[in-house]
Amino acid sequence: GIMRTREFVMKDMYSFSRNISEHESLYEKIKQAYTEIFNQLGLGDI
């Protein structure tokens, strides 16, 4: 169905950092943000 299509809208974000530690800090923040998103969308438990 709409879960795998040939044309779709994506939210794509790109991070640009000076070094690995700065990147890893951003990466973890975004990982937590994603967790919060799926909690809000009613999918957090699964």
All heavy atoms as atom14 arrays in JSON, in Angstrom:
{
  "sequence": "GIMRTREFVMKDMYSFSRNISEHESLYEKIKQAYTEIFNQLGLGDI",
  "atom14_mask": [
    [1, 1, 1, 1, 0, 0, 0, 0, 0, 0, 0, 0, 0, 0],
    [1, 1, 1, 1, 1, 1, 1, 1, 0, 0, 0, 0, 0, 0],
    [1, 1, 1, 1, 1, 1, 1, 1, 0, 0, 0, 0, 0, 0],
    [1, 1, 1, 1, 1, 1, 1, 1, 1, 1, 1, 0, 0, 0],
    [1, 1, 1, 1, 1, 1, 1, 0, 0, 0, 0, 0, 0, 0],
    [1, 1, 1, 1, 1, 1, 1, 1, 1, 1, 1, 0, 0, 0],
    [1, 1, 1, 1, 1, 1, 1, 1, 1, 0, 0, 0, 0, 0],
    [1, 1, 1, 1, 1, 1, 1, 1, 1, 1, 1, 0, 0, 0],
    [1, 1, 1, 1, 1, 1, 1, 0, 0, 0, 0, 0, 0, 0],
    [1, 1, 1, 1, 1, 1, 1, 1, 0, 0, 0, 0, 0, 0],
    [1, 1, 1, 1, 1, 1, 1, 1, 1, 0, 0, 0, 0, 0],
    [1, 1, 1, 1, 1, 1, 1, 1, 0, 0, 0, 0, 0, 0],
    [1, 1, 1, 1, 1, 1, 1, 1, 0, 0, 0, 0, 0, 0],
    [1, 1, 1, 1, 1, 1, 1, 1, 1, 1, 1, 1, 0, 0],
    [1, 1, 1, 1, 1, 1, 0, 0, 0, 0, 0, 0, 0, 0],
    [1, 1, 1, 1, 1, 1, 1, 1, 1, 1, 1, 0, 0, 0],
    [1, 1, 1, 1, 1, 1, 0, 0, 0, 0, 0, 0, 0, 0],
    [1, 1, 1, 1, 1, 1, 1, 1, 1, 1, 1, 0, 0, 0],
    [1, 1, 1, 1, 1, 1, 1, 1, 0, 0, 0, 0, 0, 0],
    [1, 1, 1, 1, 1, 1, 1, 1, 0, 0, 0, 0, 0, 0],
    [1, 1, 1, 1, 1, 1, 0, 0, 0, 0, 0, 0, 0, 0],
    [1, 1, 1, 1, 1, 1, 1, 1, 1, 0, 0, 0, 0, 0],
    [1, 1, 1, 1, 1, 1, 1, 1, 1, 1, 0, 0, 0, 0],
    [1, 1, 1, 1, 1, 1, 1, 1, 1, 0, 0, 0, 0, 0],
    [1, 1, 1, 1, 1, 1, 0, 0, 0, 0, 0, 0, 0, 0],
    [1, 1, 1, 1, 1, 1, 1, 1, 0, 0, 0, 0, 0, 0],
    [1, 1, 1, 1, 1, 1, 1, 1, 1, 1, 1, 1, 0, 0],
    [1, 1, 1, 1, 1, 1, 1, 1, 1, 0, 0, 0, 0, 0],
    [1, 1, 1, 1, 1, 1, 1, 1, 1, 0, 0, 0, 0, 0],
    [1, 1, 1, 1, 1, 1, 1, 1, 0, 0, 0, 0, 0, 0],
    [1, 1, 1, 1, 1, 1, 1, 1, 1, 0, 0, 0, 0, 0],
    [1, 1, 1, 1, 1, 1, 1, 1, 1, 0, 0, 0, 0, 0],
    [1, 1, 1, 1, 1, 0, 0, 0, 0, 0, 0, 0, 0, 0],
    [1, 1, 1, 1, 1, 1, 1, 1, 1, 1, 1, 1, 0, 0],
    [1, 1, 1, 1, 1, 1, 1, 0, 0, 0, 0, 0, 0, 0],
    [1, 1, 1, 1, 1, 1, 1, 1, 1, 0, 0, 0, 0, 0],
    [1, 1, 1, 1, 1, 1, 1, 1, 0, 0, 0, 0, 0, 0],
    [1, 1, 1, 1, 1, 1, 1, 1, 1, 1, 1, 0, 0, 0],
    [1, 1, 1, 1, 1, 1, 1, 1, 0, 0, 0, 0, 0, 0],
    [1, 1, 1, 1, 1, 1, 1, 1, 1, 0, 0, 0, 0, 0],
    [1, 1, 1, 1, 1, 1, 1, 1, 0, 0, 0, 0, 0, 0],
    [1, 1, 1, 1, 0, 0, 0, 0, 0, 0, 0, 0, 0, 0],
    [1, 1, 1, 1, 1, 1, 1, 1, 0, 0, 0, 0, 0, 0],
    [1, 1, 1, 1, 0, 0, 0, 0, 0, 0, 0, 0, 0, 0],
    [1, 1, 1, 1, 1, 1, 1, 1, 0, 0, 0, 0, 0, 0],
    [1, 1, 1, 1, 1, 1, 1, 1, 0, 0, 0, 0, 0, 0]
  ],
  "atom14_positions": [
    [[0.81, -1.21, 0.0], [0.0, 0.0, 0.0], [0.84, 1.26, 0.0], [1.78, 1.39, -0.78], [0.0, 0.0, 0.0], [0.0, 0.0, 0.0], [0.0, 0.0, 0.0], [0.0, 0.0, 0.0], [0.0, 0.0, 0.0], [0.0, 0.0, 0.0], [0.0, 0.0, 0.0], [0.0, 0.0, 0.0], [0.0, 0.0, 0.0], [0.0, 0.0, 0.0]],
    [[0.53, 2.19, 0.91], [1.27, 3.45, 0.95], [2.57, 3.32, 1.73], [3.3, 4.3, 1.89], [0.43, 4.6, 1.54], [0.09, 4.36, 3.01], [-0.84, 4.81, 0.72], [-0.51, 5.58, 3.7], [0.0, 0.0, 0.0], [0.0, 0.0, 0.0], [0.0, 0.0, 0.0], [0.0, 0.0, 0.0], [0.0, 0.0, 0.0], [0.0, 0.0, 0.0]],
    [[2.89, 2.1, 2.18], [4.12, 1.9, 2.95], [5.35, 1.73, 2.07], [6.48, 1.89, 2.54], [3.96, 0.68, 3.88], [2.92, 0.91, 4.97], [2.48, -0.61, 5.84], [4.03, -1.05, 6.63], [0.0, 0.0, 0.0], [0.0, 0.0, 0.0], [0.0, 0.0, 0.0], [0.0, 0.0, 0.0], [0.0, 0.0, 0.0], [0.0, 0.0, 0.0]],
    [[5.17, 1.37, 0.81], [6.3, 1.29, -0.12], [5.81, 1.7, -1.5], [5.14, 0.92, -2.18], [6.92, -0.11, -0.16], [8.11, -0.21, -1.13], [8.76, -1.56, -1.11], [9.47, -1.8, 0.13], [10.71, -1.34, 0.38], [11.34, -0.62, -0.51], [11.29, -1.61, 1.52], [0.0, 0.0, 0.0], [0.0, 0.0, 0.0], [0.0, 0.0, 0.0]],
    [[6.15, 2.91, -1.9], [5.63, 3.46, -3.16], [6.77, 3.99, -4.02], [7.91, 4.13, -3.57], [4.63, 4.58, -2.88], [5.24, 5.57, -2.04], [3.39, 4.05, -2.18], [0.0, 0.0, 0.0], [0.0, 0.0, 0.0], [0.0, 0.0, 0.0], [0.0, 0.0, 0.0], [0.0, 0.0, 0.0], [0.0, 0.0, 0.0], [0.0, 0.0, 0.0]],
    [[6.44, 4.3, -5.24], [7.45, 4.8, -6.19], [7.59, 6.33, -6.12], [8.58, 6.87, -6.59], [7.08, 4.37, -7.61], [7.14, 2.86, -7.82], [6.87, 2.48, -9.27], [7.16, 1.07, -9.5], [6.24, 0.12, -9.57], [4.95, 0.43, -9.4], [6.57, -1.14, -9.78], [0.0, 0.0, 0.0], [0.0, 0.0, 0.0], [0.0, 0.0, 0.0]],
    [[6.58, 6.97, -5.57], [6.62, 8.43, -5.39], [6.11, 8.72, -4.0], [5.04, 8.26, -3.61], [5.73, 9.12, -6.43], [5.64, 10.63, -6.25], [4.62, 11.27, -7.18], [4.15, 10.58, -8.11], [4.3, 12.45, -6.96], [0.0, 0.0, 0.0], [0.0, 0.0, 0.0], [0.0, 0.0, 0.0], [0.0, 0.0, 0.0], [0.0, 0.0, 0.0]],
    [[6.87, 9.48, -3.21], [6.47, 9.73, -1.83], [7.2, 10.95, -1.29], [8.25, 11.35, -1.8], [6.8, 8.52, -0.94], [8.26, 8.15, -0.93], [9.11, 8.61, 0.06], [8.79, 7.33, -1.92], [10.46, 8.28, 0.06], [10.13, 6.99, -1.93], [10.98, 7.47, -0.93], [0.0, 0.0, 0.0], [0.0, 0.0, 0.0], [0.0, 0.0, 0.0]],
    [[6.62, 11.54, -0.26], [7.28, 12.65, 0.44], [8.12, 12.08, 1.57], [7.65, 11.22, 2.33], [6.24, 13.65, 0.98], [6.91, 14.69, 1.89], [5.54, 14.35, -0.17], [0.0, 0.0, 0.0], [0.0, 0.0, 0.0], [0.0, 0.0, 0.0], [0.0, 0.0, 0.0], [0.0, 0.0, 0.0], [0.0, 0.0, 0.0], [0.0, 0.0, 0.0]],
    [[9.34, 12.55, 1.68], [10.21, 12.17, 2.78], [10.65, 13.4, 3.56], [10.89, 14.45, 2.97], [11.47, 11.44, 2.27], [12.41, 11.04, 3.41], [14.0, 10.38, 2.82], [13.47, 8.75, 2.29], [0.0, 0.0, 0.0], [0.0, 0.0, 0.0], [0.0, 0.0, 0.0], [0.0, 0.0, 0.0], [0.0, 0.0, 0.0], [0.0, 0.0, 0.0]],
    [[10.71, 13.23, 4.87], [11.42, 14.22, 5.67], [12.86, 13.74, 5.74], [13.15, 12.71, 6.34], [10.82, 14.32, 7.08], [11.4, 15.46, 7.94], [12.83, 15.27, 8.44], [12.97, 14.01, 9.28], [14.39, 13.78, 9.69], [0.0, 0.0, 0.0], [0.0, 0.0, 0.0], [0.0, 0.0, 0.0], [0.0, 0.0, 0.0], [0.0, 0.0, 0.0]],
    [[13.76, 14.44, 5.06], [15.17, 14.08, 5.15], [15.94, 15.26, 5.75], [15.81, 16.39, 5.31], [15.75, 13.64, 3.8], [15.32, 14.51, 2.63], [14.22, 15.06, 2.66], [16.11, 14.63, 1.67], [0.0, 0.0, 0.0], [0.0, 0.0, 0.0], [0.0, 0.0, 0.0], [0.0, 0.0, 0.0], [0.0, 0.0, 0.0], [0.0, 0.0, 0.0]],
    [[16.71, 14.94, 6.79], [17.54, 15.93, 7.47], [19.0, 15.56, 7.27], [19.36, 14.38, 7.22], [17.22, 15.99, 8.96], [18.15, 16.9, 9.77], [17.79, 16.89, 11.53], [16.63, 18.24, 11.6], [0.0, 0.0, 0.0], [0.0, 0.0, 0.0], [0.0, 0.0, 0.0], [0.0, 0.0, 0.0], [0.0, 0.0, 0.0], [0.0, 0.0, 0.0]],
    [[19.85, 16.58, 7.18], [21.29, 16.38, 6.98], [22.04, 17.23, 7.99], [21.73, 18.41, 8.18], [21.68, 16.74, 5.55], [20.88, 15.98, 4.53], [19.74, 16.53, 3.94], [21.2, 14.67, 4.19], [18.97, 15.82, 3.04], [20.44, 13.95, 3.29], [19.32, 14.53, 2.71], [18.56, 13.8, 1.83], [0.0, 0.0, 0.0], [0.0, 0.0, 0.0]],
    [[23.01, 16.6, 8.65], [23.82, 17.32, 9.63], [25.23, 17.53, 9.08], [25.78, 16.68, 8.37], [23.87, 16.57, 10.96], [24.53, 15.32, 10.82], [0.0, 0.0, 0.0], [0.0, 0.0, 0.0], [0.0, 0.0, 0.0], [0.0, 0.0, 0.0], [0.0, 0.0, 0.0], [0.0, 0.0, 0.0], [0.0, 0.0, 0.0], [0.0, 0.0, 0.0]],
    [[25.83, 18.67, 9.46], [27.17, 19.05, 9.03], [27.95, 19.48, 10.27], [27.56, 20.44, 10.94], [27.1, 20.2, 8.01], [26.25, 19.88, 6.81], [24.87, 20.08, 6.84], [26.81, 19.33, 5.66], [24.08, 19.78, 5.75], [26.03, 19.02, 4.56], [24.66, 19.24, 4.61], [0.0, 0.0, 0.0], [0.0, 0.0, 0.0], [0.0, 0.0, 0.0]],
    [[29.0, 18.73, 10.57], [29.73, 18.96, 11.82], [31.22, 19.13, 11.56], [31.76, 18.71, 10.53], [29.52, 17.78, 12.78], [28.14, 17.59, 13.05], [0.0, 0.0, 0.0], [0.0, 0.0, 0.0], [0.0, 0.0, 0.0], [0.0, 0.0, 0.0], [0.0, 0.0, 0.0], [0.0, 0.0, 0.0], [0.0, 0.0, 0.0], [0.0, 0.0, 0.0]],
    [[31.92, 19.72, 12.57], [33.37, 19.97, 12.45], [34.19, 18.73, 12.73], [35.28, 18.57, 12.19], [33.77, 21.09, 13.42], [33.34, 22.47, 12.99], [33.54, 23.49, 14.07], [32.53, 23.33, 15.12], [32.21, 24.28, 15.99], [32.83, 25.46, 15.96], [31.29, 24.06, 16.9], [0.0, 0.0, 0.0], [0.0, 0.0, 0.0], [0.0, 0.0, 0.0]],
    [[33.68, 17.86, 13.61], [34.47, 16.7, 14.0], [33.54, 15.57, 14.45], [32.31, 15.76, 14.54], [35.45, 17.06, 15.12], [34.75, 17.79, 16.26], [33.78, 17.29, 16.82], [35.24, 18.99, 16.59], [0.0, 0.0, 0.0], [0.0, 0.0, 0.0], [0.0, 0.0, 0.0], [0.0, 0.0, 0.0], [0.0, 0.0, 0.0], [0.0, 0.0, 0.0]],
    [[34.14, 14.42, 14.76], [33.36, 13.24, 15.11], [32.55, 13.45, 16.39], [31.38, 13.09, 16.46], [34.27, 12.01, 15.26], [34.89, 11.62, 13.91], [33.49, 10.83, 15.84], [33.9, 11.15, 12.89], [0.0, 0.0, 0.0], [0.0, 0.0, 0.0], [0.0, 0.0, 0.0], [0.0, 0.0, 0.0], [0.0, 0.0, 0.0], [0.0, 0.0, 0.0]],
    [[33.14, 14.05, 17.41], [32.44, 14.22, 18.67], [31.24, 15.14, 18.52], [30.17, 14.89, 19.1], [33.4, 14.75, 19.74], [33.9, 16.03, 19.39], [0.0, 0.0, 0.0], [0.0, 0.0, 0.0], [0.0, 0.0, 0.0], [0.0, 0.0, 0.0], [0.0, 0.0, 0.0], [0.0, 0.0, 0.0], [0.0, 0.0, 0.0], [0.0, 0.0, 0.0]],
    [[31.41, 16.2, 17.73], [30.29, 17.1, 17.49], [29.17, 16.38, 16.73], [27.98, 16.53, 17.04], [30.77, 18.31, 16.7], [29.72, 19.41, 16.54], [30.33, 20.66, 15.91], [30.58, 20.62, 14.68], [30.57, 21.65, 16.63], [0.0, 0.0, 0.0], [0.0, 0.0, 0.0], [0.0, 0.0, 0.0], [0.0, 0.0, 0.0], [0.0, 0.0, 0.0]],
    [[29.57, 15.59, 15.73], [28.6, 14.81, 14.97], [27.87, 13.82, 15.87], [26.63, 13.69, 15.8], [29.28, 14.06, 13.83], [28.43, 12.98, 13.25], [27.34, 13.22, 12.45], [28.49, 11.61, 13.4], [26.77, 12.08, 12.1], [27.45, 11.09, 12.67], [0.0, 0.0, 0.0], [0.0, 0.0, 0.0], [0.0, 0.0, 0.0], [0.0, 0.0, 0.0]],
    [[28.6, 13.1, 16.71], [27.97, 12.09, 17.56], [26.98, 12.71, 18.53], [25.93, 12.11, 18.84], [29.04, 11.3, 18.32], [29.84, 10.36, 17.41], [30.93, 9.62, 18.14], [31.26, 10.02, 19.29], [31.47, 8.63, 17.59], [0.0, 0.0, 0.0], [0.0, 0.0, 0.0], [0.0, 0.0, 0.0], [0.0, 0.0, 0.0], [0.0, 0.0, 0.0]],
    [[27.28, 13.91, 19.01], [26.36, 14.61, 19.89], [25.05, 14.94, 19.16], [23.96, 14.71, 19.7], [27.01, 15.9, 20.42], [26.1, 16.61, 21.22], [0.0, 0.0, 0.0], [0.0, 0.0, 0.0], [0.0, 0.0, 0.0], [0.0, 0.0, 0.0], [0.0, 0.0, 0.0], [0.0, 0.0, 0.0], [0.0, 0.0, 0.0], [0.0, 0.0, 0.0]],
    [[25.16, 15.45, 17.93], [23.97, 15.73, 17.13], [23.2, 14.46, 16.82], [21.96, 14.43, 16.9], [24.37, 16.43, 15.83], [24.75, 17.9, 15.89], [25.24, 18.37, 14.53], [23.56, 18.75, 16.34], [0.0, 0.0, 0.0], [0.0, 0.0, 0.0], [0.0, 0.0, 0.0], [0.0, 0.0, 0.0], [0.0, 0.0, 0.0], [0.0, 0.0, 0.0]],
    [[23.92, 13.42, 16.46], [23.31, 12.14, 16.1], [22.45, 11.61, 17.24], [21.32, 11.16, 17.03], [24.43, 11.15, 15.76], [23.99, 9.85, 15.14], [23.92, 9.71, 13.76], [23.68, 8.74, 15.92], [23.55, 8.5, 13.18], [23.3, 7.53, 15.36], [23.24, 7.41, 13.98], [22.86, 6.22, 13.41], [0.0, 0.0, 0.0], [0.0, 0.0, 0.0]],
    [[22.97, 11.68, 18.48], [22.22, 11.2, 19.64], [20.99, 12.06, 19.91], [19.93, 11.54, 20.28], [23.13, 11.15, 20.87], [24.13, 10.01, 20.85], [23.46, 8.64, 20.69], [22.46, 8.39, 21.4], [23.93, 7.85, 19.86], [0.0, 0.0, 0.0], [0.0, 0.0, 0.0], [0.0, 0.0, 0.0], [0.0, 0.0, 0.0], [0.0, 0.0, 0.0]],
    [[21.12, 13.37, 19.73], [19.96, 14.25, 19.92], [18.85, 13.92, 18.93], [17.68, 13.9, 19.28], [20.38, 15.71, 19.76], [21.19, 16.28, 20.91], [21.54, 17.74, 20.65], [22.38, 18.3, 21.79], [22.78, 19.72, 21.52], [0.0, 0.0, 0.0], [0.0, 0.0, 0.0], [0.0, 0.0, 0.0], [0.0, 0.0, 0.0], [0.0, 0.0, 0.0]],
    [[19.24, 13.65, 17.7], [18.24, 13.33, 16.67], [17.64, 11.96, 16.92], [16.43, 11.74, 16.72], [18.87, 13.45, 15.26], [19.32, 14.89, 15.02], [17.87, 13.01, 14.19], [20.21, 15.08, 13.83], [0.0, 0.0, 0.0], [0.0, 0.0, 0.0], [0.0, 0.0, 0.0], [0.0, 0.0, 0.0], [0.0, 0.0, 0.0], [0.0, 0.0, 0.0]],
    [[18.45, 11.03, 17.4], [17.93, 9.71, 17.75], [16.85, 9.83, 18.83], [15.78, 9.2, 18.74], [19.06, 8.8, 18.25], [18.63, 7.36, 18.49], [19.67, 6.55, 19.22], [20.92, 6.34, 18.39], [21.9, 5.46, 19.1], [0.0, 0.0, 0.0], [0.0, 0.0, 0.0], [0.0, 0.0, 0.0], [0.0, 0.0, 0.0], [0.0, 0.0, 0.0]],
    [[17.1, 10.66, 19.83], [16.1, 10.87, 20.88], [14.87, 11.59, 20.34], [13.74, 11.32, 20.74], [16.72, 11.65, 22.04], [17.79, 10.89, 22.8], [17.3, 9.53, 23.29], [16.24, 9.41, 23.88], [18.1, 8.5, 23.01], [0.0, 0.0, 0.0], [0.0, 0.0, 0.0], [0.0, 0.0, 0.0], [0.0, 0.0, 0.0], [0.0, 0.0, 0.0]],
    [[15.09, 12.53, 19.41], [13.96, 13.23, 18.79], [13.08, 12.26, 18.02], [11.84, 12.35, 18.05], [14.47, 14.34, 17.87], [0.0, 0.0, 0.0], [0.0, 0.0, 0.0], [0.0, 0.0, 0.0], [0.0, 0.0, 0.0], [0.0, 0.0, 0.0], [0.0, 0.0, 0.0], [0.0, 0.0, 0.0], [0.0, 0.0, 0.0], [0.0, 0.0, 0.0]],
    [[13.7, 11.31, 17.32], [12.93, 10.3, 16.59], [12.1, 9.45, 17.56], [10.94, 9.12, 17.29], [13.87, 9.41, 15.77], [14.11, 9.9, 14.37], [14.31, 11.25, 14.11], [14.14, 9.03, 13.29], [14.54, 11.7, 12.82], [14.37, 9.47, 12.0], [14.57, 10.81, 11.77], [14.78, 11.26, 10.5], [0.0, 0.0, 0.0], [0.0, 0.0, 0.0]],
    [[12.7, 9.07, 18.67], [11.97, 8.3, 19.67], [10.75, 9.06, 20.15], [9.65, 8.5, 20.27], [12.89, 7.97, 20.86], [14.0, 7.18, 20.41], [12.14, 7.21, 21.95], [0.0, 0.0, 0.0], [0.0, 0.0, 0.0], [0.0, 0.0, 0.0], [0.0, 0.0, 0.0], [0.0, 0.0, 0.0], [0.0, 0.0, 0.0], [0.0, 0.0, 0.0]],
    [[10.91, 10.36, 20.39], [9.79, 11.19, 20.82], [8.72, 11.3, 19.74], [7.52, 11.28, 20.03], [10.3, 12.58, 21.2], [9.22, 13.57, 21.62], [8.42, 13.12, 22.83], [8.93, 12.3, 23.63], [7.27, 13.58, 22.98], [0.0, 0.0, 0.0], [0.0, 0.0, 0.0], [0.0, 0.0, 0.0], [0.0, 0.0, 0.0], [0.0, 0.0, 0.0]],
    [[9.13, 11.4, 18.5], [8.18, 11.47, 17.38], [7.28, 10.24, 17.37], [6.05, 10.34, 17.29], [8.91, 11.61, 16.04], [9.49, 13.02, 15.89], [7.98, 11.29, 14.86], [10.49, 13.17, 14.76], [0.0, 0.0, 0.0], [0.0, 0.0, 0.0], [0.0, 0.0, 0.0], [0.0, 0.0, 0.0], [0.0, 0.0, 0.0], [0.0, 0.0, 0.0]],
    [[7.87, 9.06, 17.46], [7.07, 7.84, 17.37], [6.24, 7.62, 18.63], [5.15, 7.02, 18.55], [7.95, 6.65, 17.03], [8.59, 6.79, 15.67], [9.97, 6.83, 15.52], [7.8, 6.93, 14.55], [10.55, 7.0, 14.27], [8.36, 7.1, 13.29], [9.74, 7.13, 13.16], [0.0, 0.0, 0.0], [0.0, 0.0, 0.0], [0.0, 0.0, 0.0]],
    [[6.7, 8.14, 19.76], [5.85, 8.13, 20.96], [4.59, 8.97, 20.72], [3.48, 8.55, 21.03], [6.61, 8.69, 22.17], [7.63, 7.72, 22.72], [7.55, 6.51, 22.5], [8.61, 8.24, 23.45], [0.0, 0.0, 0.0], [0.0, 0.0, 0.0], [0.0, 0.0, 0.0], [0.0, 0.0, 0.0], [0.0, 0.0, 0.0], [0.0, 0.0, 0.0]],
    [[4.78, 10.16, 20.16], [3.65, 11.05, 19.91], [2.69, 10.5, 18.87], [1.51, 10.83, 18.88], [4.16, 12.43, 19.48], [4.85, 13.22, 20.56], [5.18, 14.62, 20.1], [4.43, 15.26, 19.39], [6.35, 15.11, 20.51], [0.0, 0.0, 0.0], [0.0, 0.0, 0.0], [0.0, 0.0, 0.0], [0.0, 0.0, 0.0], [0.0, 0.0, 0.0]],
    [[3.21, 9.68, 17.96], [2.38, 9.13, 16.89], [1.7, 7.82, 17.28], [1.09, 7.16, 16.45], [3.23, 8.93, 15.63], [3.76, 10.23, 15.0], [4.68, 9.91, 13.83], [2.61, 11.12, 14.53], [0.0, 0.0, 0.0], [0.0, 0.0, 0.0], [0.0, 0.0, 0.0], [0.0, 0.0, 0.0], [0.0, 0.0, 0.0], [0.0, 0.0, 0.0]],
    [[1.8, 7.45, 18.55], [1.1, 6.28, 19.05], [1.79, 4.96, 18.77], [1.19, 3.9, 18.97], [0.0, 0.0, 0.0], [0.0, 0.0, 0.0], [0.0, 0.0, 0.0], [0.0, 0.0, 0.0], [0.0, 0.0, 0.0], [0.0, 0.0, 0.0], [0.0, 0.0, 0.0], [0.0, 0.0, 0.0], [0.0, 0.0, 0.0], [0.0, 0.0, 0.0]],
    [[3.06, 5.01, 18.34], [3.78, 3.79, 17.98], [4.92, 3.47, 18.95], [5.65, 2.5, 18.74], [4.37, 3.93, 16.57], [3.35, 4.09, 15.43], [4.07, 4.41, 14.12], [2.49, 2.85, 15.28], [0.0, 0.0, 0.0], [0.0, 0.0, 0.0], [0.0, 0.0, 0.0], [0.0, 0.0, 0.0], [0.0, 0.0, 0.0], [0.0, 0.0, 0.0]],
    [[5.06, 4.28, 20.0], [6.22, 4.16, 20.88], [6.4, 2.79, 21.5], [7.53, 2.28, 21.6], [0.0, 0.0, 0.0], [0.0, 0.0, 0.0], [0.0, 0.0, 0.0], [0.0, 0.0, 0.0], [0.0, 0.0, 0.0], [0.0, 0.0, 0.0], [0.0, 0.0, 0.0], [0.0, 0.0, 0.0], [0.0, 0.0, 0.0], [0.0, 0.0, 0.0]],
    [[5.31, 2.16, 21.92], [5.42, 0.88, 22.62], [5.88, -0.26, 21.72], [6.36, -1.29, 22.21], [4.06, 0.5, 23.23], [3.68, 1.4, 24.4], [4.57, 2.09, 24.92], [2.48, 1.43, 24.76], [0.0, 0.0, 0.0], [0.0, 0.0, 0.0], [0.0, 0.0, 0.0], [0.0, 0.0, 0.0], [0.0, 0.0, 0.0], [0.0, 0.0, 0.0]],
    [[5.73, -0.1, 20.4], [6.09, -1.19, 19.49], [7.19, -0.77, 18.5], [7.4, -1.42, 17.49], [4.86, -1.7, 18.71], [4.09, -0.54, 18.03], [3.93, -2.47, 19.63], [2.94, -0.99, 17.15], [0.0, 0.0, 0.0], [0.0, 0.0, 0.0], [0.0, 0.0, 0.0], [0.0, 0.0, 0.0], [0.0, 0.0, 0.0], [0.0, 0.0, 0.0]]
  ]
}
